[in-house]
C-alpha atoms as a PDB file:
ATOM      1  CA  UNK A   1     -15.206  -0.266  -4.240  1.00  0.00           C
ATOM      2  CA  UNK A   2     -12.402  -2.568  -5.271  1.00  0.00           C
ATOM      3  CA  UNK A   3     -10.841  -4.006  -8.393  1.00  0.00           C
ATOM      4  CA  UNK A   4     -11.513  -7.618  -9.384  1.00  0.00           C
ATOM      5  CA  UNK A   5      -9.249 -10.510  -8.400  1.00  0.00           C
ATOM      6  CA  UNK A   6      -7.354  -8.617  -5.703  1.00  0.00           C
ATOM      7  CA  UNK A   7      -5.822  -6.192  -8.177  1.00  0.00           C
ATOM      8  CA  UNK A   8      -6.449  -3.335  -5.754  1.00  0.00           C
ATOM      9  CA  UNK A   9      -4.018  -5.023  -3.327  1.00  0.00           C
ATOM     10  CA  UNK A  10      -1.410  -5.281  -6.092  1.00  0.00           C
ATOM     11  CA  UNK A  11      -1.885  -1.694  -7.249  1.00  0.00           C
ATOM     12  CA  UNK A  12      -2.169  -0.024  -3.834  1.00  0.00           C
ATOM     13  CA  UNK A  13       1.609   0.594  -3.501  1.00  0.00           C
ATOM     14  CA  UNK A  14       1.607   2.028  -7.030  1.00  0.00           C
ATOM     15  CA  UNK A  15      -1.317   4.332  -6.218  1.00  0.00           C
ATOM     16  CA  UNK A  16       0.495   5.520  -3.077  1.00  0.00           C
ATOM     17  CA  UNK A  17       3.726   6.218  -4.981  1.00  0.00           C
ATOM     18  CA  UNK A  18       5.817   3.474  -3.379  1.00  0.00           C
ATOM     19  CA  UNK A  19       6.712   1.907  -6.739  1.00  0.00           C
ATOM     20  CA  UNK A  20       5.967   2.400 -10.387  1.00  0.00           C
ATOM     21  CA  UNK A  21       3.521   0.281 -12.363  1.00  0.00           C
ATOM     22  CA  UNK A  22       6.309  -0.660 -14.748  1.00  0.00           C
ATOM     23  CA  UNK A  23       8.120  -2.371 -11.859  1.00  0.00           C
ATOM     24  CA  UNK A  24       5.105  -4.644 -11.407  1.00  0.00           C
ATOM     25  CA  UNK A  25       5.038  -5.370 -15.101  1.00  0.00           C
ATOM     26  CA  UNK A  26       8.763  -6.106 -15.474  1.00  0.00           C
ATOM     27  CA  UNK A  27       8.906  -8.276 -12.350  1.00  0.00           C
ATOM     28  CA  UNK A  28      11.461  -6.177 -10.484  1.00  0.00           C
ATOM     29  CA  UNK A  29       9.128  -6.312  -7.465  1.00  0.00           C
ATOM     30  CA  UNK A  30       7.636  -9.605  -6.319  1.00  0.00           C
ATOM     31  CA  UNK A  31       4.663 -10.553  -4.169  1.00  0.00           C
ATOM     32  CA  UNK A  32       6.771 -10.387  -1.000  1.00  0.00           C
ATOM     33  CA  UNK A  33       7.679  -6.788  -1.870  1.00  0.00           C
ATOM     34  CA  UNK A  34       4.029  -5.961  -2.550  1.00  0.00           C
ATOM     35  CA  UNK A  35       3.007  -7.547   0.762  1.00  0.00           C
ATOM     36  CA  UNK A  36       5.629  -5.572   2.683  1.00  0.00           C
ATOM     37  CA  UNK A  37       4.576  -2.301   1.045  1.00  0.00           C
ATOM     38  CA  UNK A  38       0.913  -3.032   1.825  1.00  0.00           C
ATOM     39  CA  UNK A  39       1.778  -3.803   5.451  1.00  0.00           C
ATOM     40  CA  UNK A  40       3.676  -0.517   5.695  1.00  0.00           C
ATOM     41  CA  UNK A  41       0.704   1.340   4.218  1.00  0.00           C
ATOM     42  CA  UNK A  42      -1.589  -0.339   6.768  1.00  0.00           C
ATOM     43  CA  UNK A  43       0.699   0.766   9.619  1.00  0.00           C
ATOM     44  CA  UNK A  44       0.787   4.333   8.302  1.00  0.00           C
ATOM     45  CA  UNK A  45      -3.021   4.409   8.004  1.00  0.00           C
ATOM     46  CA  UNK A  46      -3.512   2.928  11.465  1.00  0.00           C
ATOM     47  CA  UNK A  47      -1.077   5.379  13.054  1.00  0.00           C
ATOM     48  CA  UNK A  48      -2.798   8.301  11.313  1.00  0.00           C
ATOM     49  CA  UNK A  49      -6.188   7.127  12.616  1.00  0.00           C
ATOM     50  CA  UNK A  50      -4.827   6.808  16.157  1.00  0.00           C
ATOM     51  CA  UNK A  51      -3.248  10.246  15.959  1.00  0.00           C
ATOM     52  CA  UNK A  52      -6.503  11.726  14.676  1.00  0.00           C
ATOM     53  CA  UNK A  53      -8.432  10.168  17.581  1.00  0.00           C
ATOM     54  CA  UNK A  54      -5.854  11.309  20.142  1.00  0.00           C
ATOM     55  CA  UNK A  55      -4.389  14.633  19.005  1.00  0.00           C
ATOM     56  CA  UNK A  56      -1.362  15.787  20.958  1.00  0.00           C
ATOM     57  CA  UNK A  57      -2.394  19.439  20.994  1.00  0.00           C
END
């Protein structure tokens, strides 16, 4: 399930605690910041999936 008009992409960093919603509203983060945070979240998720598939212990 996703929000309309790509809002889930905009709100994903907020939902994950990387920034506050008010920062989106007041413009102190821009689309480049949102993109970078989403890329970082993708990397974290991918690394977690790899680690789960290949546990060290």
